[in-house]
Amino acid sequence: MYLVDTNVISAGAPTKAVALVELTKWMDEHSTQLYLSVVTVAKIEDGIAKARRERARRKAADLMAWLDTVLHLYGDRVLAFDVAVGGRCRSLGTHASRIRYMECRAQRGCQQNPNTPR
């Protein structure tokens, strides 16, 4: 079982200038073992919404058609995101923020959390 990350599935999007032949071949060979997270679907939907806001109607339409195809191909291999997973992600995100802050202080003498908007 492989959980396909957003950047990997997006490599096959119609908006990409260069097709990654080896990646596509590998994904085709392992297609029954590939899964998507509903979070990946949400990120792609967000990108489509952004294209619509920017009035890139053709891009939005192409991406929506592509996403419909992806969802058809993955079918029941789109994994849910529940409260337990959300809590785990929150704790991982907090931990990662602390690490970035400590690295920033060590390297640049940051006085402020690097994730805080200025």
PDB file of N, CA and C in Angstrom:
ATOM      1  N   MET A   1       0.843  -1.182   0.000  1.00  0.00           N
ATOM      2  CA  MET A   1       0.000   0.000   0.000  1.00  0.00           C
ATOM      3  C   MET A   1       0.885   1.239   0.000  1.00  0.00           C
ATOM      4  N   TYR A   2       0.554   2.186  -0.882  1.00  0.00           N
ATOM      5  CA  TYR A   2       1.279   3.452  -0.963  1.00  0.00           C
ATOM      6  C   TYR A   2       0.278   4.603  -0.870  1.00  0.00           C
ATOM      7  N   LEU A   3       0.571   5.573  -0.028  1.00  0.00           N
ATOM      8  CA  LEU A   3      -0.235   6.785   0.060  1.00  0.00           C
ATOM      9  C   LEU A   3       0.418   7.824  -0.844  1.00  0.00           C
ATOM     10  N   VAL A   4      -0.284   8.208  -1.894  1.00  0.00           N
ATOM     11  CA  VAL A   4       0.259   9.120  -2.898  1.00  0.00           C
ATOM     12  C   VAL A   4       0.110  10.554  -2.399  1.00  0.00           C
ATOM     13  N   ASP A   5       1.227  11.259  -2.320  1.00  0.00           N
ATOM     14  CA  ASP A   5       1.223  12.638  -1.856  1.00  0.00           C
ATOM     15  C   ASP A   5       0.679  13.568  -2.946  1.00  0.00           C
ATOM     16  N   THR A   6       0.229  14.727  -2.532  1.00  0.00           N
ATOM     17  CA  THR A   6      -0.360  15.693  -3.457  1.00  0.00           C
ATOM     18  C   THR A   6       0.586  16.045  -4.600  1.00  0.00           C
ATOM     19  N   ASN A   7       1.847  16.287  -4.280  1.00  0.00           N
ATOM     20  CA  ASN A   7       2.789  16.679  -5.340  1.00  0.00           C
ATOM     21  C   ASN A   7       3.021  15.544  -6.336  1.00  0.00           C
ATOM     22  N   VAL A   8       2.884  14.310  -5.897  1.00  0.00           N
ATOM     23  CA  VAL A   8       3.085  13.164  -6.797  1.00  0.00           C
ATOM     24  C   VAL A   8       1.893  13.013  -7.734  1.00  0.00           C
ATOM     25  N   ILE A   9       0.681  13.022  -7.192  1.00  0.00           N
ATOM     26  CA  ILE A   9      -0.496  12.881  -8.058  1.00  0.00           C
ATOM     27  C   ILE A   9      -0.620  14.088  -8.979  1.00  0.00           C
ATOM     28  N   SER A  10      -0.237  15.262  -8.491  1.00  0.00           N
ATOM     29  CA  SER A  10      -0.324  16.484  -9.297  1.00  0.00           C
ATOM     30  C   SER A  10       0.675  16.510 -10.441  1.00  0.00           C
ATOM     31  N   ALA A  11       1.681  15.677 -10.372  1.00  0.00           N
ATOM     32  CA  ALA A  11       2.651  15.605 -11.468  1.00  0.00           C
ATOM     33  C   ALA A  11       1.985  15.163 -12.761  1.00  0.00           C
ATOM     34  N   GLY A  12       0.856  14.499 -12.658  1.00  0.00           N
ATOM     35  CA  GLY A  12       0.123  14.062 -13.839  1.00  0.00           C
ATOM     36  C   GLY A  12      -0.994  15.003 -14.262  1.00  0.00           C
ATOM     37  N   ALA A  13      -1.092  16.144 -13.602  1.00  0.00           N
ATOM     38  CA  ALA A  13      -2.150  17.106 -13.925  1.00  0.00           C
ATOM     39  C   ALA A  13      -1.942  17.692 -15.321  1.00  0.00           C
ATOM     40  N   PRO A  14      -3.027  18.070 -15.978  1.00  0.00           N
ATOM     41  CA  PRO A  14      -2.913  18.607 -17.342  1.00  0.00           C
ATOM     42  C   PRO A  14      -2.196  19.957 -17.411  1.00  0.00           C
ATOM     43  N   THR A  15      -2.007  20.598 -16.284  1.00  0.00           N
ATOM     44  CA  THR A  15      -1.331  21.903 -16.275  1.00  0.00           C
ATOM     45  C   THR A  15       0.185  21.776 -16.215  1.00  0.00           C
ATOM     46  N   LYS A  16       0.680  20.568 -16.055  1.00  0.00           N
ATOM     47  CA  LYS A  16       2.130  20.352 -15.996  1.00  0.00           C
ATOM     48  C   LYS A  16       2.706  20.320 -17.401  1.00  0.00           C
ATOM     49  N   ALA A  17       3.765  21.075 -17.591  1.00  0.00           N
ATOM     50  CA  ALA A  17       4.364  21.199 -18.928  1.00  0.00           C
ATOM     51  C   ALA A  17       5.086  19.928 -19.363  1.00  0.00           C
ATOM     52  N   VAL A  18       5.686  19.239 -18.397  1.00  0.00           N
ATOM     53  CA  VAL A  18       6.491  18.060 -18.718  1.00  0.00           C
ATOM     54  C   VAL A  18       5.908  16.841 -18.005  1.00  0.00           C
ATOM     55  N   ALA A  19       5.622  15.819 -18.771  1.00  0.00           N
ATOM     56  CA  ALA A  19       5.131  14.574 -18.184  1.00  0.00           C
ATOM     57  C   ALA A  19       6.309  13.785 -17.624  1.00  0.00           C
ATOM     58  N   LEU A  20       6.129  13.229 -16.453  1.00  0.00           N
ATOM     59  CA  LEU A  20       7.170  12.414 -15.829  1.00  0.00           C
ATOM     60  C   LEU A  20       6.913  10.952 -16.203  1.00  0.00           C
ATOM     61  N   VAL A  21       7.531  10.527 -17.269  1.00  0.00           N
ATOM     62  CA  VAL A  21       7.268   9.221 -17.860  1.00  0.00           C
ATOM     63  C   VAL A  21       7.533   8.081 -16.879  1.00  0.00           C
ATOM     64  N   GLU A  22       8.670   8.119 -16.201  1.00  0.00           N
ATOM     65  CA  GLU A  22       9.020   7.029 -15.270  1.00  0.00           C
ATOM     66  C   GLU A  22       8.038   6.971 -14.102  1.00  0.00           C
ATOM     67  N   LEU A  23       7.637   8.133 -13.594  1.00  0.00           N
ATOM     68  CA  LEU A  23       6.665   8.161 -12.500  1.00  0.00           C
ATOM     69  C   LEU A  23       5.338   7.585 -12.966  1.00  0.00           C
ATOM     70  N   THR A  24       4.887   8.003 -14.124  1.00  0.00           N
ATOM     71  CA  THR A  24       3.621   7.501 -14.670  1.00  0.00           C
ATOM     72  C   THR A  24       3.673   5.992 -14.863  1.00  0.00           C
ATOM     73  N   LYS A  25       4.777   5.507 -15.379  1.00  0.00           N
ATOM     74  CA  LYS A  25       4.944   4.063 -15.587  1.00  0.00           C
ATOM     75  C   LYS A  25       4.869   3.324 -14.255  1.00  0.00           C
ATOM     76  N   TRP A  26       5.586   3.830 -13.244  1.00  0.00           N
ATOM     77  CA  TRP A  26       5.585   3.186 -11.932  1.00  0.00           C
ATOM     78  C   TRP A  26       4.179   3.181 -11.338  1.00  0.00           C
ATOM     79  N   MET A  27       3.482   4.312 -11.453  1.00  0.00           N
ATOM     80  CA  MET A  27       2.125   4.399 -10.905  1.00  0.00           C
ATOM     81  C   MET A  27       1.181   3.444 -11.626  1.00  0.00           C
ATOM     82  N   ASP A  28       1.329   3.324 -12.929  1.00  0.00           N
ATOM     83  CA  ASP A  28       0.496   2.379 -13.683  1.00  0.00           C
ATOM     84  C   ASP A  28       0.746   0.944 -13.220  1.00  0.00           C
ATOM     85  N   GLU A  29       2.008   0.599 -12.997  1.00  0.00           N
ATOM     86  CA  GLU A  29       2.372  -0.756 -12.569  1.00  0.00           C
ATOM     87  C   GLU A  29       1.873  -1.080 -11.164  1.00  0.00           C
ATOM     88  N   HIS A  30       1.717  -0.057 -10.326  1.00  0.00           N
ATOM     89  CA  HIS A  30       1.313  -0.263  -8.929  1.00  0.00           C
ATOM     90  C   HIS A  30      -0.080   0.284  -8.631  1.00  0.00           C
ATOM     91  N   SER A  31      -0.859   0.535  -9.651  1.00  0.00           N
ATOM     92  CA  SER A  31      -2.124   1.265  -9.482  1.00  0.00           C
ATOM     93  C   SER A  31      -3.058   0.686  -8.419  1.00  0.00           C
ATOM     94  N   THR A  32      -3.134  -0.617  -8.289  1.00  0.00           N
ATOM     95  CA  THR A  32      -4.049  -1.205  -7.306  1.00  0.00           C
ATOM     96  C   THR A  32      -3.553  -1.043  -5.877  1.00  0.00           C
ATOM     97  N   GLN A  33      -2.289  -0.655  -5.714  1.00  0.00           N
ATOM     98  CA  GLN A  33      -1.713  -0.472  -4.381  1.00  0.00           C
ATOM     99  C   GLN A  33      -1.645   0.998  -3.971  1.00  0.00           C
ATOM    100  N   LEU A  34      -2.117   1.897  -4.830  1.00  0.00           N
ATOM    101  CA  LEU A  34      -2.019   3.326  -4.570  1.00  0.00           C
ATOM    102  C   LEU A  34      -3.295   3.863  -3.943  1.00  0.00           C
ATOM    103  N   TYR A  35      -3.125   4.732  -2.958  1.00  0.00           N
ATOM    104  CA  TYR A  35      -4.240   5.345  -2.256  1.00  0.00           C
ATOM    105  C   TYR A  35      -4.032   6.848  -2.195  1.00  0.00           C
ATOM    106  N   LEU A  36      -5.139   7.567  -2.117  1.00  0.00           N
ATOM    107  CA  LEU A  36      -5.109   9.013  -1.924  1.00  0.00           C
ATOM    108  C   LEU A  36      -5.739   9.344  -0.588  1.00  0.00           C
ATOM    109  N   SER A  37      -5.320  10.444  -0.008  1.00  0.00           N
ATOM    110  CA  SER A  37      -5.969  10.973   1.183  1.00  0.00           C
ATOM    111  C   SER A  37      -7.001  12.000   0.752  1.00  0.00           C
ATOM    112  N   VAL A  38      -8.070  12.093   1.491  1.00  0.00           N
ATOM    113  CA  VAL A  38      -9.074  13.112   1.219  1.00  0.00           C
ATOM    114  C   VAL A  38      -8.448  14.507   1.369  1.00  0.00           C
ATOM    115  N   VAL A  39      -7.372  14.618   2.126  1.00  0.00           N
ATOM    116  CA  VAL A  39      -6.656  15.895   2.264  1.00  0.00           C
ATOM    117  C   VAL A  39      -6.036  16.287   0.922  1.00  0.00           C
ATOM    118  N   THR A  40      -5.496  15.319   0.200  1.00  0.00           N
ATOM    119  CA  THR A  40      -4.947  15.579  -1.129  1.00  0.00           C
ATOM    120  C   THR A  40      -6.042  16.088  -2.057  1.00  0.00           C
ATOM    121  N   VAL A  41      -7.201  15.466  -1.996  1.00  0.00           N
ATOM    122  CA  VAL A  41      -8.331  15.897  -2.819  1.00  0.00           C
ATOM    123  C   VAL A  41      -8.698  17.341  -2.463  1.00  0.00           C
ATOM    124  N   ALA A  42      -8.723  17.655  -1.168  1.00  0.00           N
ATOM    125  CA  ALA A  42      -9.047  19.017  -0.732  1.00  0.00           C
ATOM    126  C   ALA A  42      -8.015  20.026  -1.238  1.00  0.00           C
ATOM    127  N   LYS A  43      -6.743  19.663  -1.221  1.00  0.00           N
ATOM    128  CA  LYS A  43      -5.696  20.562  -1.724  1.00  0.00           C
ATOM    129  C   LYS A  43      -5.869  20.821  -3.218  1.00  0.00           C
ATOM    130  N   ILE A  44      -6.195  19.780  -3.961  1.00  0.00           N
ATOM    131  CA  ILE A  44      -6.414  19.952  -5.403  1.00  0.00           C
ATOM    132  C   ILE A  44      -7.642  20.825  -5.644  1.00  0.00           C
ATOM    133  N   GLU A  45      -8.704  20.573  -4.891  1.00  0.00           N
ATOM    134  CA  GLU A  45      -9.913  21.400  -5.001  1.00  0.00           C
ATOM    135  C   GLU A  45      -9.595  22.862  -4.685  1.00  0.00           C
ATOM    136  N   ASP A  46      -8.721  23.090  -3.709  1.00  0.00           N
ATOM    137  CA  ASP A  46      -8.314  24.448  -3.358  1.00  0.00           C
ATOM    138  C   ASP A  46      -7.588  25.111  -4.531  1.00  0.00           C
ATOM    139  N   GLY A  47      -6.726  24.352  -5.198  1.00  0.00           N
ATOM    140  CA  GLY A  47      -6.032  24.867  -6.377  1.00  0.00           C
ATOM    141  C   GLY A  47      -6.999  25.210  -7.508  1.00  0.00           C
ATOM    142  N   ILE A  48      -8.033  24.403  -7.663  1.00  0.00           N
ATOM    143  CA  ILE A  48      -9.049  24.667  -8.683  1.00  0.00           C
ATOM    144  C   ILE A  48      -9.810  25.945  -8.324  1.00  0.00           C
ATOM    145  N   ALA A  49     -10.165  26.089  -7.055  1.00  0.00           N
ATOM    146  CA  ALA A  49     -10.861  27.300  -6.606  1.00  0.00           C
ATOM    147  C   ALA A  49      -9.999  28.542  -6.824  1.00  0.00           C
ATOM    148  N   LYS A  50      -8.707  28.410  -6.573  1.00  0.00           N
ATOM    149  CA  LYS A  50      -7.789  29.537  -6.790  1.00  0.00           C
ATOM    150  C   LYS A  50      -7.761  29.922  -8.270  1.00  0.00           C
ATOM    151  N   ALA A  51      -7.705  28.926  -9.140  1.00  0.00           N
ATOM    152  CA  ALA A  51      -7.712  29.206 -10.583  1.00  0.00           C
ATOM    153  C   ALA A  51      -8.997  29.935 -10.971  1.00  0.00           C
ATOM    154  N   ARG A  52     -10.114  29.540 -10.395  1.00  0.00           N
ATOM    155  CA  ARG A  52     -11.387  30.215 -10.680  1.00  0.00           C
ATOM    156  C   ARG A  52     -11.361  31.660 -10.192  1.00  0.00           C
ATOM    157  N   ARG A  53     -10.825  31.873  -8.968  1.00  0.00           N
ATOM    158  CA  ARG A  53     -10.733  33.240  -8.429  1.00  0.00           C
ATOM    159  C   ARG A  53      -9.871  34.128  -9.314  1.00  0.00           C
ATOM    160  N   GLU A  54      -8.845  33.533  -9.893  1.00  0.00           N
ATOM    161  CA  GLU A  54      -7.939  34.278 -10.775  1.00  0.00           C
ATOM    162  C   GLU A  54      -8.465  34.349 -12.211  1.00  0.00           C
ATOM    163  N   ARG A  55      -9.688  33.864 -12.403  1.00  0.00           N
ATOM    164  CA  ARG A  55     -10.360  33.875 -13.705  1.00  0.00           C
ATOM    165  C   ARG A  55      -9.636  33.049 -14.770  1.00  0.00           C
ATOM    166  N   ALA A  56      -8.928  32.035 -14.317  1.00  0.00           N
ATOM    167  CA  ALA A  56      -8.270  31.095 -15.239  1.00  0.00           C
ATOM    168  C   ALA A  56      -9.248  29.951 -15.474  1.00  0.00           C
ATOM    169  N   ARG A  57     -10.312  30.263 -16.193  1.00  0.00           N
ATOM    170  CA  ARG A  57     -11.425  29.322 -16.362  1.00  0.00           C
ATOM    171  C   ARG A  57     -11.016  28.034 -17.064  1.00  0.00           C
ATOM    172  N   ARG A  58     -10.206  28.155 -18.085  1.00  0.00           N
ATOM    173  CA  ARG A  58      -9.772  26.963 -18.836  1.00  0.00           C
ATOM    174  C   ARG A  58      -8.937  26.052 -17.936  1.00  0.00           C
ATOM    175  N   LYS A  59      -8.010  26.659 -17.193  1.00  0.00           N
ATOM    176  CA  LYS A  59      -7.175  25.881 -16.270  1.00  0.00           C
ATOM    177  C   LYS A  59      -8.046  25.182 -15.231  1.00  0.00           C
ATOM    178  N   ALA A  60      -8.999  25.923 -14.661  1.00  0.00           N
ATOM    179  CA  ALA A  60      -9.889  25.345 -13.649  1.00  0.00           C
ATOM    180  C   ALA A  60     -10.696  24.187 -14.232  1.00  0.00           C
ATOM    181  N   ALA A  61     -11.207  24.367 -15.437  1.00  0.00           N
ATOM    182  CA  ALA A  61     -12.002  23.312 -16.076  1.00  0.00           C
ATOM    183  C   ALA A  61     -11.153  22.075 -16.373  1.00  0.00           C
ATOM    184  N   ASP A  62      -9.936  22.306 -16.863  1.00  0.00           N
ATOM    185  CA  ASP A  62      -9.035  21.179 -17.144  1.00  0.00           C
ATOM    186  C   ASP A  62      -8.693  20.416 -15.872  1.00  0.00           C
ATOM    187  N   LEU A  63      -8.403  21.157 -14.808  1.00  0.00           N
ATOM    188  CA  LEU A  63      -8.069  20.508 -13.531  1.00  0.00           C
ATOM    189  C   LEU A  63      -9.267  19.762 -12.949  1.00  0.00           C
ATOM    190  N   MET A  64     -10.468  20.338 -13.090  1.00  0.00           N
ATOM    191  CA  MET A  64     -11.661  19.673 -12.563  1.00  0.00           C
ATOM    192  C   MET A  64     -11.922  18.378 -13.310  1.00  0.00           C
ATOM    193  N   ALA A  65     -11.778  18.398 -14.626  1.00  0.00           N
ATOM    194  CA  ALA A  65     -11.966  17.170 -15.422  1.00  0.00           C
ATOM    195  C   ALA A  65     -10.923  16.126 -15.030  1.00  0.00           C
ATOM    196  N   TRP A  66      -9.685  16.566 -14.836  1.00  0.00           N
ATOM    197  CA  TRP A  66      -8.614  15.652 -14.425  1.00  0.00           C
ATOM    198  C   TRP A  66      -8.913  15.060 -13.053  1.00  0.00           C
ATOM    199  N   LEU A  67      -9.342  15.920 -12.094  1.00  0.00           N
ATOM    200  CA  LEU A  67      -9.653  15.425 -10.753  1.00  0.00           C
ATOM    201  C   LEU A  67     -10.804  14.423 -10.802  1.00  0.00           C
ATOM    202  N   ASP A  68     -11.823  14.700 -11.603  1.00  0.00           N
ATOM    203  CA  ASP A  68     -12.928  13.737 -11.744  1.00  0.00           C
ATOM    204  C   ASP A  68     -12.415  12.379 -12.215  1.00  0.00           C
ATOM    205  N   THR A  69     -11.477  12.389 -13.152  1.00  0.00           N
ATOM    206  CA  THR A  69     -10.889  11.143 -13.655  1.00  0.00           C
ATOM    207  C   THR A  69     -10.091  10.447 -12.558  1.00  0.00           C
ATOM    208  N   VAL A  70      -9.286  11.213 -11.840  1.00  0.00           N
ATOM    209  CA  VAL A  70      -8.488  10.648 -10.742  1.00  0.00           C
ATOM    210  C   VAL A  70      -9.404   9.994  -9.713  1.00  0.00           C
ATOM    211  N   LEU A  71     -10.467  10.690  -9.325  1.00  0.00           N
ATOM    212  CA  LEU A  71     -11.384  10.147  -8.322  1.00  0.00           C
ATOM    213  C   LEU A  71     -12.087   8.890  -8.839  1.00  0.00           C
ATOM    214  N   HIS A  72     -12.406   8.862 -10.115  1.00  0.00           N
ATOM    215  CA  HIS A  72     -13.008   7.662 -10.704  1.00  0.00           C
ATOM    216  C   HIS A  72     -12.018   6.490 -10.649  1.00  0.00           C
ATOM    217  N   LEU A  73     -10.765   6.766 -11.001  1.00  0.00           N
ATOM    218  CA  LEU A  73      -9.753   5.706 -11.012  1.00  0.00           C
ATOM    219  C   LEU A  73      -9.441   5.192  -9.605  1.00  0.00           C
ATOM    220  N   TYR A  74      -9.398   6.081  -8.633  1.00  0.00           N
ATOM    221  CA  TYR A  74      -9.063   5.659  -7.269  1.00  0.00           C
ATOM    222  C   TYR A  74     -10.267   5.079  -6.541  1.00  0.00           C
ATOM    223  N   GLY A  75     -11.461   5.474  -6.919  1.00  0.00           N
ATOM    224  CA  GLY A  75     -12.678   4.903  -6.349  1.00  0.00           C
ATOM    225  C   GLY A  75     -12.668   4.847  -4.833  1.00  0.00           C
ATOM    226  N   ASP A  76     -12.710   3.629  -4.297  1.00  0.00           N
ATOM    227  CA  ASP A  76     -12.754   3.467  -2.842  1.00  0.00           C
ATOM    228  C   ASP A  76     -11.358   3.502  -2.210  1.00  0.00           C
ATOM    229  N   ARG A  77     -10.364   3.905  -2.962  1.00  0.00           N
ATOM    230  CA  ARG A  77      -9.011   4.013  -2.431  1.00  0.00           C
ATOM    231  C   ARG A  77      -8.664   5.458  -2.059  1.00  0.00           C
ATOM    232  N   VAL A  78      -9.702   6.243  -1.729  1.00  0.00           N
ATOM    233  CA  VAL A  78      -9.505   7.585  -1.175  1.00  0.00           C
ATOM    234  C   VAL A  78      -9.771   7.452   0.320  1.00  0.00           C
ATOM    235  N   LEU A  79      -8.741   7.705   1.111  1.00  0.00           N
ATOM    236  CA  LEU A  79      -8.814   7.471   2.550  1.00  0.00           C
ATOM    237  C   LEU A  79      -9.339   8.686   3.305  1.00  0.00           C
ATOM    238  N   ALA A  80     -10.170   8.412   4.287  1.00  0.00           N
ATOM    239  CA  ALA A  80     -10.791   9.467   5.094  1.00  0.00           C
ATOM    240  C   ALA A  80      -9.796  10.100   6.063  1.00  0.00           C
ATOM    241  N   PHE A  81     -10.170  11.248   6.550  1.00  0.00           N
ATOM    242  CA  PHE A  81      -9.379  11.994   7.529  1.00  0.00           C
ATOM    243  C   PHE A  81     -10.322  12.253   8.690  1.00  0.00           C
ATOM    244  N   ASP A  82     -10.078  11.600   9.837  1.00  0.00           N
ATOM    245  CA  ASP A  82     -11.002  11.728  10.955  1.00  0.00           C
ATOM    246  C   ASP A  82     -10.394  12.533  12.109  1.00  0.00           C
ATOM    247  N   VAL A  83     -11.133  12.641  13.198  1.00  0.00           N
ATOM    248  CA  VAL A  83     -10.709  13.445  14.337  1.00  0.00           C
ATOM    249  C   VAL A  83      -9.403  12.921  14.941  1.00  0.00           C
ATOM    250  N   ALA A  84      -9.254  11.628  15.037  1.00  0.00           N
ATOM    251  CA  ALA A  84      -8.029  11.055  15.603  1.00  0.00           C
ATOM    252  C   ALA A  84      -6.817  11.431  14.747  1.00  0.00           C
ATOM    253  N   VAL A  85      -6.965  11.335  13.443  1.00  0.00           N
ATOM    254  CA  VAL A  85      -5.870  11.700  12.547  1.00  0.00           C
ATOM    255  C   VAL A  85      -5.601  13.200  12.643  1.00  0.00           C
ATOM    256  N   GLY A  86      -6.654  13.992  12.717  1.00  0.00           N
ATOM    257  CA  GLY A  86      -6.496  15.438  12.860  1.00  0.00           C
ATOM    258  C   GLY A  86      -5.714  15.807  14.110  1.00  0.00           C
ATOM    259  N   GLY A  87      -6.009  15.140  15.216  1.00  0.00           N
ATOM    260  CA  GLY A  87      -5.275  15.400  16.458  1.00  0.00           C
ATOM    261  C   GLY A  87      -3.809  15.040  16.336  1.00  0.00           C
ATOM    262  N   ARG A  88      -3.533  13.953  15.685  1.00  0.00           N
ATOM    263  CA  ARG A  88      -2.137  13.538  15.474  1.00  0.00           C
ATOM    264  C   ARG A  88      -1.399  14.541  14.590  1.00  0.00           C
ATOM    265  N   CYS A  89      -2.063  15.006  13.548  1.00  0.00           N
ATOM    266  CA  CYS A  89      -1.447  16.012  12.668  1.00  0.00           C
ATOM    267  C   CYS A  89      -1.174  17.304  13.430  1.00  0.00           C
ATOM    268  N   ARG A  90      -2.109  17.694  14.279  1.00  0.00           N
ATOM    269  CA  ARG A  90      -1.917  18.918  15.073  1.00  0.00           C
ATOM    270  C   ARG A  90      -0.679  18.794  15.946  1.00  0.00           C
ATOM    271  N   SER A  91      -0.519  17.658  16.608  1.00  0.00           N
ATOM    272  CA  SER A  91       0.645  17.504  17.488  1.00  0.00           C
ATOM    273  C   SER A  91       1.938  17.444  16.677  1.00  0.00           C
ATOM    274  N   LEU A  92       1.896  16.819  15.501  1.00  0.00           N
ATOM    275  CA  LEU A  92       3.080  16.795  14.638  1.00  0.00           C
ATOM    276  C   LEU A  92       3.419  18.194  14.139  1.00  0.00           C
ATOM    277  N   GLY A  93       2.388  18.969  13.785  1.00  0.00           N
ATOM    278  CA  GLY A  93       2.597  20.338  13.320  1.00  0.00           C
ATOM    279  C   GLY A  93       3.204  21.209  14.399  1.00  0.00           C
ATOM    280  N   THR A  94       2.732  21.062  15.629  1.00  0.00           N
ATOM    281  CA  THR A  94       3.282  21.823  16.751  1.00  0.00           C
ATOM    282  C   THR A  94       4.734  21.455  16.979  1.00  0.00           C
ATOM    283  N   HIS A  95       5.027  20.185  16.935  1.00  0.00           N
ATOM    284  CA  HIS A  95       6.396  19.707  17.116  1.00  0.00           C
ATOM    285  C   HIS A  95       7.304  20.256  16.013  1.00  0.00           C
ATOM    286  N   ALA A  96       6.835  20.208  14.760  1.00  0.00           N
ATOM    287  CA  ALA A  96       7.630  20.717  13.642  1.00  0.00           C
ATOM    288  C   ALA A  96       7.881  22.212  13.780  1.00  0.00           C
ATOM    289  N   SER A  97       6.882  22.959  14.249  1.00  0.00           N
ATOM    290  CA  SER A  97       7.054  24.405  14.454  1.00  0.00           C
ATOM    291  C   SER A  97       8.127  24.688  15.500  1.00  0.00           C
ATOM    292  N   ARG A  98       8.123  23.915  16.556  1.00  0.00           N
ATOM    293  CA  ARG A  98       9.139  24.100  17.602  1.00  0.00           C
ATOM    294  C   ARG A  98      10.538  23.818  17.060  1.00  0.00           C
ATOM    295  N   ILE A  99      10.651  22.766  16.281  1.00  0.00           N
ATOM    296  CA  ILE A  99      11.955  22.426  15.700  1.00  0.00           C
ATOM    297  C   ILE A  99      12.426  23.546  14.772  1.00  0.00           C
ATOM    298  N   ARG A 100      11.539  24.044  13.903  1.00  0.00           N
ATOM    299  CA  ARG A 100      11.918  25.140  12.997  1.00  0.00           C
ATOM    300  C   ARG A 100      12.345  26.374  13.787  1.00  0.00           C
ATOM    301  N   TYR A 101      11.654  26.673  14.871  1.00  0.00           N
ATOM    302  CA  TYR A 101      11.974  27.829  15.695  1.00  0.00           C
ATOM    303  C   TYR A 101      13.358  27.664  16.333  1.00  0.00           C
ATOM    304  N   MET A 102      13.626  26.471  16.853  1.00  0.00           N
ATOM    305  CA  MET A 102      14.931  26.235  17.488  1.00  0.00           C
ATOM    306  C   MET A 102      16.048  26.309  16.450  1.00  0.00           C
ATOM    307  N   GLU A 103      15.825  25.771  15.259  1.00  0.00           N
ATOM    308  CA  GLU A 103      16.833  25.845  14.201  1.00  0.00           C
ATOM    309  C   GLU A 103      17.069  27.289  13.778  1.00  0.00           C
ATOM    310  N   CYS A 104      16.016  28.049  13.679  1.00  0.00           N
ATOM    311  CA  CYS A 104      16.128  29.453  13.289  1.00  0.00           C
ATOM    312  C   CYS A 104      16.935  30.223  14.335  1.00  0.00           C
ATOM    313  N   ARG A 105      16.635  29.991  15.580  1.00  0.00           N
ATOM    314  CA  ARG A 105      17.373  30.699  16.651  1.00  0.00           C
ATOM    315  C   ARG A 105      18.839  30.321  16.632  1.00  0.00           C
ATOM    316  N   ALA A 106      19.128  29.041  16.383  1.00  0.00           N
ATOM    317  CA  ALA A 106      20.521  28.588  16.382  1.00  0.00           C
ATOM    318  C   ALA A 106      21.294  29.152  15.188  1.00  0.00           C
ATOM    319  N   GLN A 107      20.618  29.258  14.045  1.00  0.00           N
ATOM    320  CA  GLN A 107      21.310  29.688  12.826  1.00  0.00           C
ATOM    321  C   GLN A 107      21.307  31.194  12.622  1.00  0.00           C
ATOM    322  N   ARG A 108      20.227  31.848  12.998  1.00  0.00           N
ATOM    323  CA  ARG A 108      20.097  33.269  12.680  1.00  0.00           C
ATOM    324  C   ARG A 108      19.829  34.138  13.895  1.00  0.00           C
ATOM    325  N   GLY A 109      19.734  33.539  15.025  1.00  0.00           N
ATOM    326  CA  GLY A 109      19.444  34.325  16.212  1.00  0.00           C
ATOM    327  C   GLY A 109      18.045  34.915  16.206  1.00  0.00           C
ATOM    328  N   CYS A 110      17.083  34.190  15.655  1.00  0.00           N
ATOM    329  CA  CYS A 110      15.707  34.698  15.587  1.00  0.00           C
ATOM    330  C   CYS A 110      15.172  34.959  16.984  1.00  0.00           C
ATOM    331  N   GLN A 111      14.457  36.036  17.128  1.00  0.00           N
ATOM    332  CA  GLN A 111      13.798  36.364  18.390  1.00  0.00           C
ATOM    333  C   GLN A 111      12.327  35.987  18.346  1.00  0.00           C
ATOM    334  N   GLN A 112      11.818  35.770  17.161  1.00  0.00           N
ATOM    335  CA  GLN A 112      10.417  35.508  16.941  1.00  0.00           C
ATOM    336  C   GLN A 112      10.259  34.155  16.269  1.00  0.00           C
ATOM    337  N   ASN A 113       9.135  33.491  16.548  1.00  0.00           N
ATOM    338  CA  ASN A 113       8.838  32.227  15.897  1.00  0.00           C
ATOM    339  C   ASN A 113       8.803  32.458  14.380  1.00  0.00           C
ATOM    340  N   PRO A 114       9.566  31.706  13.588  1.00  0.00           N
ATOM    341  CA  PRO A 114       9.606  31.931  12.128  1.00  0.00           C
ATOM    342  C   PRO A 114       8.288  31.666  11.433  1.00  0.00           C
ATOM    343  N   ASN A 115       7.330  31.021  12.122  1.00  0.00           N
ATOM    344  CA  ASN A 115       6.044  30.739  11.509  1.00  0.00           C
ATOM    345  C   ASN A 115       5.019  31.825  11.810  1.00  0.00           C
ATOM    346  N   THR A 116       5.398  32.806  12.624  1.00  0.00           N
ATOM    347  CA  THR A 116       4.492  33.868  12.982  1.00  0.00           C
ATOM    348  C   THR A 116       4.544  34.971  11.935  1.00  0.00           C
ATOM    349  N   PRO A 117       3.379  35.388  11.415  1.00  0.00           N
ATOM    350  CA  PRO A 117       3.385  36.475  10.425  1.00  0.00           C
ATOM    351  C   PRO A 117       3.915  37.764  11.065  1.00  0.00           C
ATOM    352  N   ARG A 118       4.636  38.538  10.266  1.00  0.00           N
ATOM    353  CA  ARG A 118       5.198  39.782  10.795  1.00  0.00           C
ATOM    354  C   ARG A 118       4.326  40.955  10.458  1.00  0.00           C
TER     355      ARG A 118
END
